[in-house]
C-alpha cells in the first residue's frame, strides 16, 4: 500500500475510534470489521491480540442468530 494511503487509513481509524469513545471493545471490533479491516489490523488498532478480535466477532455473530424454537 502507498504510504500516503496507509496514513489516511490510520487517520480514519483514529477518527472512528475517537467517535466511539465510551463504547465497548466488542462494538469497536464489529465496526472496524464492517469497515473491512482484518482481525490483525483491528488488534493492532485496539492494542489487543487477533485471537481476542476473532473471539469477539464469533460471539457477536453467534448472539446475532435467531434462536431455534422448540416445537
N, C-alpha and C. Protein backbone atom coordinates (compact mmCIF):
# COMPACT_ATOMS: atom_id res chain seq x y z
N UNK A 1 0.85 -1.18 0.00
CA UNK A 1 0.00 0.00 0.00
C UNK A 1 0.89 1.24 0.00
N UNK A 2 0.45 2.23 -0.70
CA UNK A 2 1.14 3.51 -0.77
C UNK A 2 1.20 4.13 0.63
N UNK A 3 2.37 4.63 1.06
CA UNK A 3 2.49 5.20 2.41
C UNK A 3 1.47 6.30 2.72
N UNK A 4 1.13 7.13 1.72
CA UNK A 4 0.15 8.19 1.99
C UNK A 4 -1.24 7.60 2.20
N UNK A 5 -1.58 6.54 1.48
CA UNK A 5 -2.88 5.88 1.69
C UNK A 5 -2.94 5.22 3.06
N UNK A 6 -1.82 4.64 3.47
CA UNK A 6 -1.77 3.99 4.78
C UNK A 6 -1.97 5.03 5.89
N UNK A 7 -1.36 6.18 5.71
CA UNK A 7 -1.51 7.25 6.71
C UNK A 7 -2.97 7.73 6.77
N UNK A 8 -3.60 7.90 5.63
CA UNK A 8 -5.00 8.32 5.58
C UNK A 8 -5.89 7.27 6.25
N UNK A 9 -5.60 6.00 5.97
CA UNK A 9 -6.37 4.92 6.58
C UNK A 9 -6.25 4.94 8.10
N UNK A 10 -5.05 5.16 8.59
CA UNK A 10 -4.84 5.21 10.05
C UNK A 10 -5.55 6.42 10.67
N UNK A 11 -5.55 7.54 9.96
CA UNK A 11 -6.26 8.72 10.46
C UNK A 11 -7.77 8.46 10.52
N UNK A 12 -8.29 7.76 9.53
CA UNK A 12 -9.72 7.44 9.53
C UNK A 12 -10.07 6.51 10.70
N UNK A 13 -9.18 5.56 10.97
CA UNK A 13 -9.40 4.67 12.11
C UNK A 13 -9.39 5.47 13.40
N UNK A 14 -8.44 6.37 13.51
CA UNK A 14 -8.35 7.21 14.70
C UNK A 14 -9.63 8.01 14.90
N UNK A 15 -10.15 8.57 13.83
CA UNK A 15 -11.40 9.33 13.91
C UNK A 15 -12.57 8.44 14.33
N UNK A 16 -12.62 7.24 13.76
CA UNK A 16 -13.70 6.31 14.12
C UNK A 16 -13.61 5.95 15.60
N UNK A 17 -12.40 5.63 16.06
CA UNK A 17 -12.24 5.26 17.46
C UNK A 17 -12.54 6.43 18.39
N UNK A 18 -12.18 7.64 17.98
CA UNK A 18 -12.49 8.83 18.79
C UNK A 18 -14.01 9.01 18.92
N UNK A 19 -14.70 8.76 17.81
CA UNK A 19 -16.16 8.94 17.83
C UNK A 19 -16.85 7.85 18.65
N UNK A 20 -16.13 6.75 18.91
CA UNK A 20 -16.72 5.63 19.66
C UNK A 20 -16.22 5.57 21.10
N UNK A 21 -15.68 6.70 21.60
CA UNK A 21 -15.21 6.72 22.98
C UNK A 21 -16.34 6.33 23.91
N UNK A 22 -16.03 5.48 24.88
CA UNK A 22 -17.05 5.01 25.81
C UNK A 22 -17.81 3.80 25.31
N UNK A 23 -17.53 3.37 24.09
CA UNK A 23 -18.18 2.20 23.50
C UNK A 23 -17.36 0.96 23.86
N UNK A 24 -18.02 -0.16 23.96
CA UNK A 24 -17.32 -1.39 24.32
C UNK A 24 -16.32 -1.80 23.23
N UNK A 25 -15.34 -2.58 23.66
CA UNK A 25 -14.34 -3.08 22.71
C UNK A 25 -15.03 -3.93 21.64
N UNK A 26 -16.03 -4.68 22.05
CA UNK A 26 -16.77 -5.54 21.11
C UNK A 26 -17.38 -4.69 19.99
N UNK A 27 -18.01 -3.59 20.35
CA UNK A 27 -18.65 -2.73 19.34
C UNK A 27 -17.60 -2.12 18.41
N UNK A 28 -16.47 -1.73 18.97
CA UNK A 28 -15.38 -1.19 18.13
C UNK A 28 -14.89 -2.24 17.14
N UNK A 29 -14.73 -3.47 17.63
CA UNK A 29 -14.28 -4.57 16.77
C UNK A 29 -15.28 -4.79 15.64
N UNK A 30 -16.55 -4.79 15.98
CA UNK A 30 -17.59 -5.01 14.97
C UNK A 30 -17.55 -3.91 13.91
N UNK A 31 -17.48 -2.66 14.33
CA UNK A 31 -17.47 -1.54 13.39
C UNK A 31 -16.23 -1.56 12.49
N UNK A 32 -15.07 -1.86 13.06
CA UNK A 32 -13.85 -1.94 12.25
C UNK A 32 -13.92 -3.11 11.28
N UNK A 33 -14.54 -4.20 11.70
CA UNK A 33 -14.71 -5.36 10.81
C UNK A 33 -15.63 -5.00 9.66
N UNK A 34 -16.71 -4.30 9.96
CA UNK A 34 -17.65 -3.86 8.91
C UNK A 34 -16.94 -2.94 7.93
N UNK A 35 -16.01 -2.14 8.44
CA UNK A 35 -15.25 -1.22 7.59
C UNK A 35 -14.23 -1.95 6.72
N UNK A 36 -14.05 -3.25 6.96
CA UNK A 36 -13.19 -4.04 6.09
C UNK A 36 -11.79 -4.33 6.60
N UNK A 37 -11.54 -4.01 7.86
CA UNK A 37 -10.21 -4.28 8.41
C UNK A 37 -10.10 -5.74 8.84
N UNK A 38 -8.90 -6.29 8.73
CA UNK A 38 -8.65 -7.68 9.13
C UNK A 38 -8.55 -7.77 10.65
N UNK A 39 -8.65 -8.99 11.16
CA UNK A 39 -8.52 -9.20 12.60
C UNK A 39 -7.17 -8.69 13.10
N UNK A 40 -6.13 -8.91 12.33
CA UNK A 40 -4.79 -8.45 12.72
C UNK A 40 -4.74 -6.93 12.81
N UNK A 41 -5.31 -6.24 11.81
CA UNK A 41 -5.32 -4.78 11.81
C UNK A 41 -6.13 -4.24 12.99
N UNK A 42 -7.29 -4.84 13.22
CA UNK A 42 -8.14 -4.40 14.32
C UNK A 42 -7.41 -4.59 15.65
N UNK A 43 -6.75 -5.71 15.81
CA UNK A 43 -5.99 -5.97 17.03
C UNK A 43 -4.91 -4.92 17.23
N UNK A 44 -4.25 -4.55 16.15
CA UNK A 44 -3.22 -3.51 16.22
C UNK A 44 -3.82 -2.18 16.69
N UNK A 45 -4.95 -1.80 16.10
CA UNK A 45 -5.60 -0.53 16.44
C UNK A 45 -6.05 -0.49 17.90
N UNK A 46 -6.52 -1.63 18.40
CA UNK A 46 -7.09 -1.67 19.74
C UNK A 46 -6.10 -2.19 20.78
N UNK A 47 -4.88 -2.42 20.37
CA UNK A 47 -3.83 -2.89 21.27
C UNK A 47 -4.24 -4.18 22.00
N UNK A 48 -4.64 -5.16 21.21
CA UNK A 48 -5.02 -6.47 21.73
C UNK A 48 -4.52 -7.53 20.76
N UNK A 49 -4.93 -8.76 20.93
CA UNK A 49 -4.46 -9.83 20.04
C UNK A 49 -5.52 -10.18 19.00
N UNK A 50 -5.08 -10.71 17.86
CA UNK A 50 -6.05 -11.14 16.84
C UNK A 50 -6.99 -12.22 17.37
N UNK A 51 -6.54 -13.03 18.31
CA UNK A 51 -7.40 -14.07 18.88
C UNK A 51 -8.57 -13.44 19.66
N UNK A 52 -8.31 -12.36 20.37
CA UNK A 52 -9.37 -11.66 21.11
C UNK A 52 -10.38 -11.09 20.10
N UNK A 53 -9.87 -10.50 19.03
CA UNK A 53 -10.75 -9.94 17.99
C UNK A 53 -11.61 -11.05 17.38
N UNK A 54 -10.99 -12.17 17.04
CA UNK A 54 -11.73 -13.29 16.45
C UNK A 54 -12.82 -13.79 17.40
N UNK A 55 -12.49 -13.87 18.68
CA UNK A 55 -13.47 -14.34 19.67
C UNK A 55 -14.64 -13.37 19.78
N UNK A 56 -14.35 -12.08 19.82
CA UNK A 56 -15.42 -11.08 19.91
C UNK A 56 -16.33 -11.13 18.68
N UNK A 57 -15.73 -11.29 17.51
CA UNK A 57 -16.53 -11.38 16.28
C UNK A 57 -17.37 -12.65 16.27
N UNK A 58 -16.78 -13.75 16.72
CA UNK A 58 -17.52 -15.01 16.78
C UNK A 58 -18.71 -14.89 17.72
N UNK A 59 -18.47 -14.34 18.91
CA UNK A 59 -19.56 -14.17 19.88
C UNK A 59 -20.64 -13.25 19.34
N UNK A 60 -20.23 -12.23 18.62
CA UNK A 60 -21.19 -11.29 18.05
C UNK A 60 -22.07 -11.98 17.01
N UNK A 61 -21.44 -12.76 16.15
CA UNK A 61 -22.21 -13.47 15.12
C UNK A 61 -23.11 -14.52 15.74
N UNK A 62 -22.60 -15.20 16.74
CA UNK A 62 -23.36 -16.26 17.42
C UNK A 62 -24.58 -15.67 18.12
N UNK A 63 -24.41 -14.55 18.79
CA UNK A 63 -25.52 -13.95 19.54
C UNK A 63 -26.51 -13.26 18.61
N UNK A 64 -26.10 -12.97 17.39
CA UNK A 64 -26.98 -12.30 16.44
C UNK A 64 -27.92 -13.23 15.71
N UNK A 65 -27.65 -14.53 15.82
CA UNK A 65 -28.51 -15.51 15.13
C UNK A 65 -29.80 -15.71 15.90
N UNK A 66 -30.91 -15.86 15.17
CA UNK A 66 -32.16 -16.13 15.88
C UNK A 66 -32.10 -17.51 16.55
N UNK A 67 -32.67 -17.59 17.74
CA UNK A 67 -32.66 -18.85 18.45
C UNK A 67 -33.71 -19.78 17.88
N UNK A 68 -33.38 -21.08 17.84
CA UNK A 68 -34.32 -22.07 17.32
C UNK A 68 -35.45 -22.28 18.34
N UNK A 69 -36.64 -22.38 17.81
CA UNK A 69 -37.79 -22.63 18.69
C UNK A 69 -38.02 -24.13 18.79
N UNK A 70 -38.44 -24.53 19.95
CA UNK A 70 -38.81 -25.93 20.12
C UNK A 70 -40.26 -26.09 19.73
N UNK A 71 -40.54 -27.13 18.98
CA UNK A 71 -41.93 -27.37 18.56
C UNK A 71 -42.72 -28.10 19.60
